[in-house]
């Protein structure tokens, strides 16, 4: 990773759910997290993808993401998140989340990525 360049964050949804998501970053010297992307997805086309650019961010910075899914009860969801620079995927920065919604049709994924 080149910490002098911005990061492209791509999120792809591979299941037919209504989705809301938010991304934050925090540099090592920051006291609080800053929102850099918010979005929704309720497209019938799967997969659907969204990209956002953040940074540059120094080593030790954190990216946090929260994804909320809504659909039928006990249905499988699939989401992929990748980080890239200059169109090249960054090794070790690809994340997949596969699970099912609960009895009310809801699910949530929240994760933190530390940039090193």
PDB file of N, CA and C in Angstrom:
ATOM      1  N   UNK A   1       0.844  -1.172   0.000  1.00  0.00           N
ATOM      2  CA  UNK A   1       0.000   0.000   0.000  1.00  0.00           C
ATOM      3  C   UNK A   1       0.891   1.238   0.000  1.00  0.00           C
ATOM      4  N   UNK A   2       0.505   2.192  -0.815  1.00  0.00           N
ATOM      5  CA  UNK A   2       1.218   3.464  -0.875  1.00  0.00           C
ATOM      6  C   UNK A   2       0.390   4.476  -0.083  1.00  0.00           C
ATOM      7  N   UNK A   3       0.874   4.864   1.096  1.00  0.00           N
ATOM      8  CA  UNK A   3       0.112   5.735   1.974  1.00  0.00           C
ATOM      9  C   UNK A   3       0.039   7.179   1.484  1.00  0.00           C
ATOM     10  N   UNK A   4       0.709   7.483   0.380  1.00  0.00           N
ATOM     11  CA  UNK A   4       0.616   8.826  -0.197  1.00  0.00           C
ATOM     12  C   UNK A   4      -0.510   8.915  -1.233  1.00  0.00           C
ATOM     13  N   UNK A   5      -1.191   7.804  -1.507  1.00  0.00           N
ATOM     14  CA  UNK A   5      -2.257   7.769  -2.517  1.00  0.00           C
ATOM     15  C   UNK A   5      -3.603   7.457  -1.874  1.00  0.00           C
ATOM     16  N   UNK A   6      -4.684   7.937  -2.493  1.00  0.00           N
ATOM     17  CA  UNK A   6      -6.012   7.605  -1.974  1.00  0.00           C
ATOM     18  C   UNK A   6      -6.347   6.128  -2.188  1.00  0.00           C
ATOM     19  N   UNK A   7      -7.325   5.661  -1.443  1.00  0.00           N
ATOM     20  CA  UNK A   7      -7.827   4.292  -1.549  1.00  0.00           C
ATOM     21  C   UNK A   7      -9.197   4.304  -2.218  1.00  0.00           C
ATOM     22  N   UNK A   8      -9.433   3.308  -3.037  1.00  0.00           N
ATOM     23  CA  UNK A   8     -10.767   3.085  -3.570  1.00  0.00           C
ATOM     24  C   UNK A   8     -11.368   1.911  -2.810  1.00  0.00           C
ATOM     25  N   UNK A   9     -12.523   2.144  -2.233  1.00  0.00           N
ATOM     26  CA  UNK A   9     -13.250   1.108  -1.505  1.00  0.00           C
ATOM     27  C   UNK A   9     -14.414   0.688  -2.384  1.00  0.00           C
ATOM     28  N   UNK A  10     -14.463  -0.597  -2.730  1.00  0.00           N
ATOM     29  CA  UNK A  10     -15.556  -1.123  -3.558  1.00  0.00           C
ATOM     30  C   UNK A  10     -16.355  -2.113  -2.728  1.00  0.00           C
ATOM     31  N   UNK A  11     -17.663  -1.973  -2.761  1.00  0.00           N
ATOM     32  CA  UNK A  11     -18.542  -2.888  -2.044  1.00  0.00           C
ATOM     33  C   UNK A  11     -19.538  -3.456  -3.048  1.00  0.00           C
ATOM     34  N   UNK A  12     -19.657  -4.777  -3.067  1.00  0.00           N
ATOM     35  CA  UNK A  12     -20.541  -5.470  -4.007  1.00  0.00           C
ATOM     36  C   UNK A  12     -21.536  -6.315  -3.236  1.00  0.00           C
ATOM     37  N   UNK A  13     -22.790  -6.210  -3.619  1.00  0.00           N
ATOM     38  CA  UNK A  13     -23.859  -6.982  -2.997  1.00  0.00           C
ATOM     39  C   UNK A  13     -24.313  -8.046  -3.981  1.00  0.00           C
ATOM     40  N   UNK A  14     -24.304  -9.291  -3.544  1.00  0.00           N
ATOM     41  CA  UNK A  14     -24.615 -10.419  -4.419  1.00  0.00           C
ATOM     42  C   UNK A  14     -25.859 -11.159  -3.954  1.00  0.00           C
ATOM     43  N   UNK A  15     -26.788 -10.436  -3.373  1.00  0.00           N
ATOM     44  CA  UNK A  15     -28.030 -11.048  -2.913  1.00  0.00           C
ATOM     45  C   UNK A  15     -29.152 -10.006  -2.997  1.00  0.00           C
ATOM     46  N   UNK A  16     -30.387 -10.473  -3.095  1.00  0.00           N
ATOM     47  CA  UNK A  16     -31.508  -9.554  -3.336  1.00  0.00           C
ATOM     48  C   UNK A  16     -32.090  -8.936  -2.057  1.00  0.00           C
ATOM     49  N   UNK A  17     -31.288  -8.170  -1.349  1.00  0.00           N
ATOM     50  CA  UNK A  17     -31.742  -7.508  -0.127  1.00  0.00           C
ATOM     51  C   UNK A  17     -31.696  -6.000  -0.294  1.00  0.00           C
ATOM     52  N   UNK A  18     -32.531  -5.313   0.452  1.00  0.00           N
ATOM     53  CA  UNK A  18     -32.370  -3.867   0.589  1.00  0.00           C
ATOM     54  C   UNK A  18     -31.213  -3.671   1.569  1.00  0.00           C
ATOM     55  N   UNK A  19     -30.304  -2.761   1.236  1.00  0.00           N
ATOM     56  CA  UNK A  19     -29.085  -2.590   2.026  1.00  0.00           C
ATOM     57  C   UNK A  19     -28.856  -1.106   2.297  1.00  0.00           C
ATOM     58  N   UNK A  20     -28.398  -0.815   3.500  1.00  0.00           N
ATOM     59  CA  UNK A  20     -27.911   0.525   3.847  1.00  0.00           C
ATOM     60  C   UNK A  20     -26.524   0.340   4.443  1.00  0.00           C
ATOM     61  N   UNK A  21     -25.602   1.240   4.081  1.00  0.00           N
ATOM     62  CA  UNK A  21     -24.238   1.100   4.590  1.00  0.00           C
ATOM     63  C   UNK A  21     -23.622   2.451   4.874  1.00  0.00           C
ATOM     64  N   UNK A  22     -22.577   2.416   5.703  1.00  0.00           N
ATOM     65  CA  UNK A  22     -21.825   3.629   6.040  1.00  0.00           C
ATOM     66  C   UNK A  22     -20.377   3.236   6.296  1.00  0.00           C
ATOM     67  N   UNK A  23     -19.461   4.130   5.877  1.00  0.00           N
ATOM     68  CA  UNK A  23     -18.027   3.954   6.098  1.00  0.00           C
ATOM     69  C   UNK A  23     -17.476   5.156   6.862  1.00  0.00           C
ATOM     70  N   UNK A  24     -16.551   4.870   7.767  1.00  0.00           N
ATOM     71  CA  UNK A  24     -15.845   5.894   8.525  1.00  0.00           C
ATOM     72  C   UNK A  24     -14.340   5.650   8.415  1.00  0.00           C
ATOM     73  N   UNK A  25     -13.547   6.682   8.646  1.00  0.00           N
ATOM     74  CA  UNK A  25     -12.103   6.502   8.796  1.00  0.00           C
ATOM     75  C   UNK A  25     -11.650   7.257  10.035  1.00  0.00           C
ATOM     76  N   UNK A  26     -10.522   6.830  10.577  1.00  0.00           N
ATOM     77  CA  UNK A  26      -9.883   7.535  11.691  1.00  0.00           C
ATOM     78  C   UNK A  26      -8.386   7.409  11.517  1.00  0.00           C
ATOM     79  N   UNK A  27      -7.720   8.559  11.378  1.00  0.00           N
ATOM     80  CA  UNK A  27      -6.263   8.578  11.330  1.00  0.00           C
ATOM     81  C   UNK A  27      -5.730   8.371  12.746  1.00  0.00           C
ATOM     82  N   UNK A  28      -4.487   7.889  12.883  1.00  0.00           N
ATOM     83  CA  UNK A  28      -3.953   7.605  14.227  1.00  0.00           C
ATOM     84  C   UNK A  28      -4.044   8.782  15.200  1.00  0.00           C
ATOM     85  N   UNK A  29      -3.904  10.005  14.721  1.00  0.00           N
ATOM     86  CA  UNK A  29      -3.932  11.167  15.617  1.00  0.00           C
ATOM     87  C   UNK A  29      -5.347  11.706  15.860  1.00  0.00           C
ATOM     88  N   UNK A  30      -6.341  11.169  15.158  1.00  0.00           N
ATOM     89  CA  UNK A  30      -7.715  11.662  15.301  1.00  0.00           C
ATOM     90  C   UNK A  30      -8.360  11.132  16.571  1.00  0.00           C
ATOM     91  N   UNK A  31      -9.176  11.962  17.200  1.00  0.00           N
ATOM     92  CA  UNK A  31      -9.923  11.532  18.384  1.00  0.00           C
ATOM     93  C   UNK A  31     -11.229  10.845  17.990  1.00  0.00           C
ATOM     94  N   UNK A  32     -11.786  11.233  16.843  1.00  0.00           N
ATOM     95  CA  UNK A  32     -13.089  10.709  16.433  1.00  0.00           C
ATOM     96  C   UNK A  32     -13.031  10.177  15.002  1.00  0.00           C
ATOM     97  N   UNK A  33     -13.991   9.339  14.683  1.00  0.00           N
ATOM     98  CA  UNK A  33     -14.142   8.818  13.323  1.00  0.00           C
ATOM     99  C   UNK A  33     -14.870   9.837  12.460  1.00  0.00           C
ATOM    100  N   UNK A  34     -14.557   9.833  11.164  1.00  0.00           N
ATOM    101  CA  UNK A  34     -15.173  10.727  10.186  1.00  0.00           C
ATOM    102  C   UNK A  34     -15.885   9.897   9.132  1.00  0.00           C
ATOM    103  N   UNK A  35     -17.127  10.225   8.848  1.00  0.00           N
ATOM    104  CA  UNK A  35     -17.881   9.521   7.803  1.00  0.00           C
ATOM    105  C   UNK A  35     -17.323   9.922   6.445  1.00  0.00           C
ATOM    106  N   UNK A  36     -17.073   8.934   5.585  1.00  0.00           N
ATOM    107  CA  UNK A  36     -16.658   9.270   4.217  1.00  0.00           C
ATOM    108  C   UNK A  36     -17.572   8.681   3.156  1.00  0.00           C
ATOM    109  N   UNK A  37     -18.488   7.815   3.513  1.00  0.00           N
ATOM    110  CA  UNK A  37     -19.427   7.295   2.510  1.00  0.00           C
ATOM    111  C   UNK A  37     -20.660   6.731   3.190  1.00  0.00           C
ATOM    112  N   UNK A  38     -21.792   6.993   2.581  1.00  0.00           N
ATOM    113  CA  UNK A  38     -23.070   6.447   3.017  1.00  0.00           C
ATOM    114  C   UNK A  38     -23.831   6.078   1.759  1.00  0.00           C
ATOM    115  N   UNK A  39     -24.525   4.956   1.799  1.00  0.00           N
ATOM    116  CA  UNK A  39     -25.276   4.573   0.613  1.00  0.00           C
ATOM    117  C   UNK A  39     -26.352   3.556   0.899  1.00  0.00           C
ATOM    118  N   UNK A  40     -27.157   3.321  -0.116  1.00  0.00           N
ATOM    119  CA  UNK A  40     -28.200   2.304  -0.069  1.00  0.00           C
ATOM    120  C   UNK A  40     -28.159   1.512  -1.355  1.00  0.00           C
ATOM    121  N   UNK A  41     -28.751   0.346  -1.306  1.00  0.00           N
ATOM    122  CA  UNK A  41     -28.831  -0.492  -2.487  1.00  0.00           C
ATOM    123  C   UNK A  41     -30.094  -1.334  -2.363  1.00  0.00           C
ATOM    124  N   UNK A  42     -30.973  -1.175  -3.332  1.00  0.00           N
ATOM    125  CA  UNK A  42     -32.150  -2.033  -3.389  1.00  0.00           C
ATOM    126  C   UNK A  42     -32.413  -2.426  -4.835  1.00  0.00           C
ATOM    127  N   UNK A  43     -31.324  -2.535  -5.591  1.00  0.00           N
ATOM    128  CA  UNK A  43     -31.421  -2.891  -6.994  1.00  0.00           C
ATOM    129  C   UNK A  43     -31.751  -4.367  -7.151  1.00  0.00           C
ATOM    130  N   UNK A  44     -32.570  -4.663  -8.138  1.00  0.00           N
ATOM    131  CA  UNK A  44     -32.921  -6.058  -8.417  1.00  0.00           C
ATOM    132  C   UNK A  44     -31.775  -6.780  -9.114  1.00  0.00           C
ATOM    133  N   UNK A  45     -30.847  -6.018  -9.718  1.00  0.00           N
ATOM    134  CA  UNK A  45     -29.718  -6.616 -10.422  1.00  0.00           C
ATOM    135  C   UNK A  45     -28.647  -7.024  -9.422  1.00  0.00           C
ATOM    136  N   UNK A  46     -28.194  -8.242  -9.545  1.00  0.00           N
ATOM    137  CA  UNK A  46     -27.125  -8.733  -8.669  1.00  0.00           C
ATOM    138  C   UNK A  46     -26.039  -9.348  -9.522  1.00  0.00           C
ATOM    139  N   UNK A  47     -24.777  -9.130  -9.297  1.00  0.00           N
ATOM    140  CA  UNK A  47     -24.350  -8.259  -8.205  1.00  0.00           C
ATOM    141  C   UNK A  47     -24.450  -6.785  -8.577  1.00  0.00           C
ATOM    142  N   UNK A  48     -24.540  -5.951  -7.583  1.00  0.00           N
ATOM    143  CA  UNK A  48     -24.467  -4.512  -7.784  1.00  0.00           C
ATOM    144  C   UNK A  48     -23.281  -4.006  -6.980  1.00  0.00           C
ATOM    145  N   UNK A  49     -22.626  -2.975  -7.474  1.00  0.00           N
ATOM    146  CA  UNK A  49     -21.389  -2.521  -6.832  1.00  0.00           C
ATOM    147  C   UNK A  49     -21.402  -1.004  -6.661  1.00  0.00           C
ATOM    148  N   UNK A  50     -20.726  -0.564  -5.633  1.00  0.00           N
ATOM    149  CA  UNK A  50     -20.578   0.857  -5.321  1.00  0.00           C
ATOM    150  C   UNK A  50     -19.118   1.106  -4.987  1.00  0.00           C
ATOM    151  N   UNK A  51     -18.572   2.232  -5.436  1.00  0.00           N
ATOM    152  CA  UNK A  51     -17.190   2.572  -5.119  1.00  0.00           C
ATOM    153  C   UNK A  51     -17.122   3.953  -4.466  1.00  0.00           C
ATOM    154  N   UNK A  52     -16.161   4.093  -3.566  1.00  0.00           N
ATOM    155  CA  UNK A  52     -15.932   5.346  -2.849  1.00  0.00           C
ATOM    156  C   UNK A  52     -14.429   5.524  -2.698  1.00  0.00           C
ATOM    157  N   UNK A  53     -13.986   6.771  -2.724  1.00  0.00           N
ATOM    158  CA  UNK A  53     -12.556   7.073  -2.597  1.00  0.00           C
ATOM    159  C   UNK A  53     -12.333   7.838  -1.297  1.00  0.00           C
ATOM    160  N   UNK A  54     -11.251   7.478  -0.598  1.00  0.00           N
ATOM    161  CA  UNK A  54     -10.905   8.129   0.662  1.00  0.00           C
ATOM    162  C   UNK A  54      -9.386   8.284   0.728  1.00  0.00           C
ATOM    163  N   UNK A  55      -8.963   9.314   1.431  1.00  0.00           N
ATOM    164  CA  UNK A  55      -7.530   9.476   1.672  1.00  0.00           C
ATOM    165  C   UNK A  55      -6.865  10.439   0.716  1.00  0.00           C
ATOM    166  N   UNK A  56      -5.528  10.372   0.800  1.00  0.00           N
ATOM    167  CA  UNK A  56      -4.672   9.361   1.408  1.00  0.00           C
ATOM    168  C   UNK A  56      -4.788   9.317   2.932  1.00  0.00           C
ATOM    169  N   UNK A  57      -4.537   8.115   3.471  1.00  0.00           N
ATOM    170  CA  UNK A  57      -4.569   7.880   4.911  1.00  0.00           C
ATOM    171  C   UNK A  57      -3.230   7.286   5.345  1.00  0.00           C
ATOM    172  N   UNK A  58      -2.694   7.724   6.488  1.00  0.00           N
ATOM    173  CA  UNK A  58      -1.404   7.202   6.942  1.00  0.00           C
ATOM    174  C   UNK A  58      -1.520   5.781   7.504  1.00  0.00           C
ATOM    175  N   UNK A  59      -0.396   5.126   7.610  1.00  0.00           N
ATOM    176  CA  UNK A  59      -0.330   3.803   8.228  1.00  0.00           C
ATOM    177  C   UNK A  59      -0.915   3.865   9.634  1.00  0.00           C
ATOM    178  N   UNK A  60      -1.665   2.839  10.004  1.00  0.00           N
ATOM    179  CA  UNK A  60      -2.300   2.804  11.312  1.00  0.00           C
ATOM    180  C   UNK A  60      -3.702   3.378  11.327  1.00  0.00           C
ATOM    181  N   UNK A  61      -4.127   3.961  10.218  1.00  0.00           N
ATOM    182  CA  UNK A  61      -5.497   4.471  10.137  1.00  0.00           C
ATOM    183  C   UNK A  61      -6.478   3.303  10.159  1.00  0.00           C
ATOM    184  N   UNK A  62      -7.699   3.595  10.557  1.00  0.00           N
ATOM    185  CA  UNK A  62      -8.744   2.582  10.597  1.00  0.00           C
ATOM    186  C   UNK A  62      -9.891   2.961   9.670  1.00  0.00           C
ATOM    187  N   UNK A  63     -10.424   1.957   8.999  1.00  0.00           N
ATOM    188  CA  UNK A  63     -11.668   2.077   8.255  1.00  0.00           C
ATOM    189  C   UNK A  63     -12.687   1.210   8.982  1.00  0.00           C
ATOM    190  N   UNK A  64     -13.847   1.762   9.226  1.00  0.00           N
ATOM    191  CA  UNK A  64     -14.930   1.004   9.849  1.00  0.00           C
ATOM    192  C   UNK A  64     -16.092   1.016   8.886  1.00  0.00           C
ATOM    193  N   UNK A  65     -16.753  -0.141   8.759  1.00  0.00           N
ATOM    194  CA  UNK A  65     -17.952  -0.175   7.930  1.00  0.00           C
ATOM    195  C   UNK A  65     -19.072  -0.908   8.636  1.00  0.00           C
ATOM    196  N   UNK A  66     -20.272  -0.403   8.400  1.00  0.00           N
ATOM    197  CA  UNK A  66     -21.498  -0.966   8.941  1.00  0.00           C
ATOM    198  C   UNK A  66     -22.435  -1.188   7.767  1.00  0.00           C
ATOM    199  N   UNK A  67     -22.933  -2.419   7.638  1.00  0.00           N
ATOM    200  CA  UNK A  67     -23.847  -2.766   6.555  1.00  0.00           C
ATOM    201  C   UNK A  67     -25.082  -3.383   7.188  1.00  0.00           C
ATOM    202  N   UNK A  68     -26.255  -2.877   6.823  1.00  0.00           N
ATOM    203  CA  UNK A  68     -27.518  -3.434   7.319  1.00  0.00           C
ATOM    204  C   UNK A  68     -28.321  -3.987   6.149  1.00  0.00           C
ATOM    205  N   UNK A  69     -28.816  -5.206   6.335  1.00  0.00           N
ATOM    206  CA  UNK A  69     -29.570  -5.920   5.307  1.00  0.00           C
ATOM    207  C   UNK A  69     -31.020  -6.062   5.752  1.00  0.00           C
ATOM    208  N   UNK A  70     -31.926  -5.964   4.788  1.00  0.00           N
ATOM    209  CA  UNK A  70     -33.340  -6.180   5.049  1.00  0.00           C
ATOM    210  C   UNK A  70     -33.919  -6.992   3.905  1.00  0.00           C
ATOM    211  N   UNK A  71     -34.674  -8.030   4.263  1.00  0.00           N
ATOM    212  CA  UNK A  71     -35.293  -8.881   3.245  1.00  0.00           C
ATOM    213  C   UNK A  71     -36.198  -9.889   3.902  1.00  0.00           C
ATOM    214  N   UNK A  72     -36.371 -11.008   3.263  1.00  0.00           N
ATOM    215  CA  UNK A  72     -37.184 -12.076   3.834  1.00  0.00           C
ATOM    216  C   UNK A  72     -36.432 -12.752   4.978  1.00  0.00           C
ATOM    217  N   UNK A  73     -37.187 -13.350   5.872  1.00  0.00           N
ATOM    218  CA  UNK A  73     -36.597 -14.055   7.018  1.00  0.00           C
ATOM    219  C   UNK A  73     -35.713 -15.202   6.548  1.00  0.00           C
ATOM    220  N   UNK A  74     -34.593 -15.363   7.211  1.00  0.00           N
ATOM    221  CA  UNK A  74     -33.666 -16.482   7.004  1.00  0.00           C
ATOM    222  C   UNK A  74     -33.177 -16.612   5.558  1.00  0.00           C
ATOM    223  N   UNK A  75     -32.952 -15.486   4.897  1.00  0.00           N
ATOM    224  CA  UNK A  75     -32.408 -15.546   3.540  1.00  0.00           C
ATOM    225  C   UNK A  75     -30.923 -15.224   3.562  1.00  0.00           C
ATOM    226  N   UNK A  76     -30.180 -15.900   2.709  1.00  0.00           N
ATOM    227  CA  UNK A  76     -28.730 -15.733   2.648  1.00  0.00           C
ATOM    228  C   UNK A  76     -28.365 -14.401   2.007  1.00  0.00           C
ATOM    229  N   UNK A  77     -27.342 -13.760   2.569  1.00  0.00           N
ATOM    230  CA  UNK A  77     -26.781 -12.569   1.928  1.00  0.00           C
ATOM    231  C   UNK A  77     -25.299 -12.786   1.690  1.00  0.00           C
ATOM    232  N   UNK A  78     -24.782 -12.016   0.744  1.00  0.00           N
ATOM    233  CA  UNK A  78     -23.389 -12.142   0.325  1.00  0.00           C
ATOM    234  C   UNK A  78     -22.895 -10.748  -0.042  1.00  0.00           C
ATOM    235  N   UNK A  79     -21.841 -10.303   0.616  1.00  0.00           N
ATOM    236  CA  UNK A  79     -21.267  -8.990   0.324  1.00  0.00           C
ATOM    237  C   UNK A  79     -19.751  -9.137   0.238  1.00  0.00           C
ATOM    238  N   UNK A  80     -19.155  -8.403  -0.694  1.00  0.00           N
ATOM    239  CA  UNK A  80     -17.695  -8.410  -0.879  1.00  0.00           C
ATOM    240  C   UNK A  80     -17.209  -6.971  -0.804  1.00  0.00           C
ATOM    241  N   UNK A  81     -16.084  -6.775  -0.119  1.00  0.00           N
ATOM    242  CA  UNK A  81     -15.491  -5.454   0.003  1.00  0.00           C
ATOM    243  C   UNK A  81     -14.021  -5.558  -0.357  1.00  0.00           C
ATOM    244  N   UNK A  82     -13.545  -4.649  -1.201  1.00  0.00           N
ATOM    245  CA  UNK A  82     -12.137  -4.647  -1.584  1.00  0.00           C
ATOM    246  C   UNK A  82     -11.570  -3.237  -1.495  1.00  0.00           C
ATOM    247  N   UNK A  83     -10.262  -3.174  -1.239  1.00  0.00           N
ATOM    248  CA  UNK A  83      -9.525  -1.910  -1.286  1.00  0.00           C
ATOM    249  C   UNK A  83      -8.537  -1.984  -2.438  1.00  0.00           C
ATOM    250  N   UNK A  84      -8.425  -0.883  -3.169  1.00  0.00           N
ATOM    251  CA  UNK A  84      -7.482  -0.835  -4.285  1.00  0.00           C
ATOM    252  C   UNK A  84      -6.862   0.555  -4.373  1.00  0.00           C
ATOM    253  N   UNK A  85      -5.760   0.608  -5.116  1.00  0.00           N
ATOM    254  CA  UNK A  85      -5.101   1.881  -5.452  1.00  0.00           C
ATOM    255  C   UNK A  85      -4.713   1.821  -6.911  1.00  0.00           C
ATOM    256  N   UNK A  86      -4.971   2.899  -7.624  1.00  0.00           N
ATOM    257  CA  UNK A  86      -4.636   2.981  -9.051  1.00  0.00           C
ATOM    258  C   UNK A  86      -5.185   1.790  -9.834  1.00  0.00           C
ATOM    259  N   UNK A  87      -6.368   1.301  -9.439  1.00  0.00           N
ATOM    260  CA  UNK A  87      -7.002   0.197 -10.149  1.00  0.00           C
ATOM    261  C   UNK A  87      -6.456  -1.181  -9.823  1.00  0.00           C
ATOM    262  N   UNK A  88      -5.532  -1.289  -8.872  1.00  0.00           N
ATOM    263  CA  UNK A  88      -4.931  -2.571  -8.512  1.00  0.00           C
ATOM    264  C   UNK A  88      -5.415  -2.969  -7.110  1.00  0.00           C
ATOM    265  N   UNK A  89      -5.983  -4.180  -7.011  1.00  0.00           N
ATOM    266  CA  UNK A  89      -6.434  -4.672  -5.707  1.00  0.00           C
ATOM    267  C   UNK A  89      -5.251  -4.788  -4.753  1.00  0.00           C
ATOM    268  N   UNK A  90      -5.458  -4.406  -3.512  1.00  0.00           N
ATOM    269  CA  UNK A  90      -4.402  -4.485  -2.515  1.00  0.00           C
ATOM    270  C   UNK A  90      -4.429  -5.864  -1.850  1.00  0.00           C
ATOM    271  N   UNK A  91      -3.329  -6.610  -1.902  1.00  0.00           N
ATOM    272  CA  UNK A  91      -3.289  -7.939  -1.276  1.00  0.00           C
ATOM    273  C   UNK A  91      -3.623  -7.845   0.216  1.00  0.00           C
ATOM    274  N   UNK A  92      -4.458  -8.756   0.681  1.00  0.00           N
ATOM    275  CA  UNK A  92      -4.836  -8.786   2.082  1.00  0.00           C
ATOM    276  C   UNK A  92      -5.977  -7.865   2.454  1.00  0.00           C
ATOM    277  N   UNK A  93      -6.514  -7.144   1.476  1.00  0.00           N
ATOM    278  CA  UNK A  93      -7.598  -6.204   1.754  1.00  0.00           C
ATOM    279  C   UNK A  93      -8.843  -6.529   0.937  1.00  0.00           C
ATOM    280  N   UNK A  94      -9.201  -7.815   0.903  1.00  0.00           N
ATOM    281  CA  UNK A  94     -10.457  -8.283   0.311  1.00  0.00           C
ATOM    282  C   UNK A  94     -11.225  -9.007   1.399  1.00  0.00           C
ATOM    283  N   UNK A  95     -12.487  -8.673   1.552  1.00  0.00           N
ATOM    284  CA  UNK A  95     -13.293  -9.212   2.647  1.00  0.00           C
ATOM    285  C   UNK A  95     -14.634  -9.703   2.112  1.00  0.00           C
ATOM    286  N   UNK A  96     -15.053 -10.886   2.555  1.00  0.00           N
ATOM    287  CA  UNK A  96     -16.337 -11.460   2.162  1.00  0.00           C
ATOM    288  C   UNK A  96     -17.148 -11.757   3.411  1.00  0.00           C
ATOM    289  N   UNK A  97     -18.418 -11.464   3.341  1.00  0.00           N
ATOM    290  CA  UNK A  97     -19.323 -11.757   4.447  1.00  0.00           C
ATOM    291  C   UNK A  97     -20.529 -12.500   3.891  1.00  0.00           C
ATOM    292  N   UNK A  98     -20.763 -13.688   4.424  1.00  0.00           N
ATOM    293  CA  UNK A  98     -21.866 -14.542   3.999  1.00  0.00           C
ATOM    294  C   UNK A  98     -22.595 -14.991   5.259  1.00  0.00           C
ATOM    295  N   UNK A  99     -23.898 -14.758   5.288  1.00  0.00           N
ATOM    296  CA  UNK A  99     -24.672 -15.162   6.453  1.00  0.00           C
ATOM    297  C   UNK A  99     -26.143 -15.149   6.055  1.00  0.00           C
ATOM    298  N   UNK A 100     -27.034 -15.222   7.035  1.00  0.00           N
ATOM    299  CA  UNK A 100     -28.469 -15.156   6.737  1.00  0.00           C
ATOM    300  C   UNK A 100     -29.124 -14.107   7.628  1.00  0.00           C
ATOM    301  N   UNK A 101     -30.238 -13.605   7.147  1.00  0.00           N
ATOM    302  CA  UNK A 101     -31.014 -12.668   7.942  1.00  0.00           C
ATOM    303  C   UNK A 101     -31.699 -13.418   9.084  1.00  0.00           C
ATOM    304  N   UNK A 102     -32.162 -12.674  10.065  1.00  0.00           N
ATOM    305  CA  UNK A 102     -32.818 -13.289  11.219  1.00  0.00           C
ATOM    306  C   UNK A 102     -34.303 -13.547  10.921  1.00  0.00           C
ATOM    307  N   UNK A 103     -35.058 -13.891  11.952  1.00  0.00           N
ATOM    308  CA  UNK A 103     -36.470 -14.230  11.769  1.00  0.00           C
ATOM    309  C   UNK A 103     -37.311 -13.046  11.315  1.00  0.00           C
ATOM    310  N   UNK A 104     -36.804 -11.820  11.515  1.00  0.00           N
ATOM    311  CA  UNK A 104     -37.494 -10.622  11.044  1.00  0.00           C
ATOM    312  C   UNK A 104     -36.977 -10.148   9.688  1.00  0.00           C
ATOM    313  N   UNK A 105     -35.997 -10.854   9.137  1.00  0.00           N
ATOM    314  CA  UNK A 105     -35.455 -10.480   7.835  1.00  0.00           C
ATOM    315  C   UNK A 105     -34.341  -9.446   7.895  1.00  0.00           C
ATOM    316  N   UNK A 106     -33.729  -9.258   9.057  1.00  0.00           N
ATOM    317  CA  UNK A 106     -32.673  -8.254   9.206  1.00  0.00           C
ATOM    318  C   UNK A 106     -31.328  -8.904   9.548  1.00  0.00           C
ATOM    319  N   UNK A 107     -30.252  -8.220   9.175  1.00  0.00           N
ATOM    320  CA  UNK A 107     -28.902  -8.645   9.525  1.00  0.00           C
ATOM    321  C   UNK A 107     -27.995  -7.427   9.499  1.00  0.00           C
ATOM    322  N   UNK A 108     -26.845  -7.554  10.154  1.00  0.00           N
ATOM    323  CA  UNK A 108     -25.890  -6.455  10.215  1.00  0.00           C
ATOM    324  C   UNK A 108     -24.477  -7.002  10.223  1.00  0.00           C
ATOM    325  N   UNK A 109     -23.598  -6.328   9.512  1.00  0.00           N
ATOM    326  CA  UNK A 109     -22.154  -6.604   9.538  1.00  0.00           C
ATOM    327  C   UNK A 109     -21.456  -5.315   9.910  1.00  0.00           C
ATOM    328  N   UNK A 110     -20.577  -5.351  10.920  1.00  0.00           N
ATOM    329  CA  UNK A 110     -19.769  -4.198  11.290  1.00  0.00           C
ATOM    330  C   UNK A 110     -18.349  -4.682  11.528  1.00  0.00           C
ATOM    331  N   UNK A 111     -17.386  -4.038  10.854  1.00  0.00           N
ATOM    332  CA  UNK A 111     -16.001  -4.482  10.925  1.00  0.00           C
ATOM    333  C   UNK A 111     -15.061  -3.278  10.882  1.00  0.00           C
ATOM    334  N   UNK A 112     -13.858  -3.497  11.403  1.00  0.00           N
ATOM    335  CA  UNK A 112     -12.801  -2.484  11.383  1.00  0.00           C
ATOM    336  C   UNK A 112     -11.600  -3.054  10.632  1.00  0.00           C
ATOM    337  N   UNK A 113     -11.042  -2.235   9.741  1.00  0.00           N
ATOM    338  CA  UNK A 113      -9.842  -2.593   8.987  1.00  0.00           C
ATOM    339  C   UNK A 113      -8.750  -1.618   9.410  1.00  0.00           C
ATOM    340  N   UNK A 114      -7.617  -2.151   9.845  1.00  0.00           N
ATOM    341  CA  UNK A 114      -6.460  -1.312  10.167  1.00  0.00           C
ATOM    342  C   UNK A 114      -5.505  -1.331   8.988  1.00  0.00           C
ATOM    343  N   UNK A 115      -5.125  -0.157   8.504  1.00  0.00           N
ATOM    344  CA  UNK A 115      -4.245  -0.041   7.349  1.00  0.00           C
ATOM    345  C   UNK A 115      -2.790  -0.135   7.803  1.00  0.00           C
ATOM    346  N   UNK A 116      -2.075  -1.137   7.285  1.00  0.00           N
ATOM    347  CA  UNK A 116      -0.663  -1.327   7.638  1.00  0.00           C
ATOM    348  C   UNK A 116       0.168  -1.544   6.388  1.00  0.00           C
TER     349      UNK A 116
END
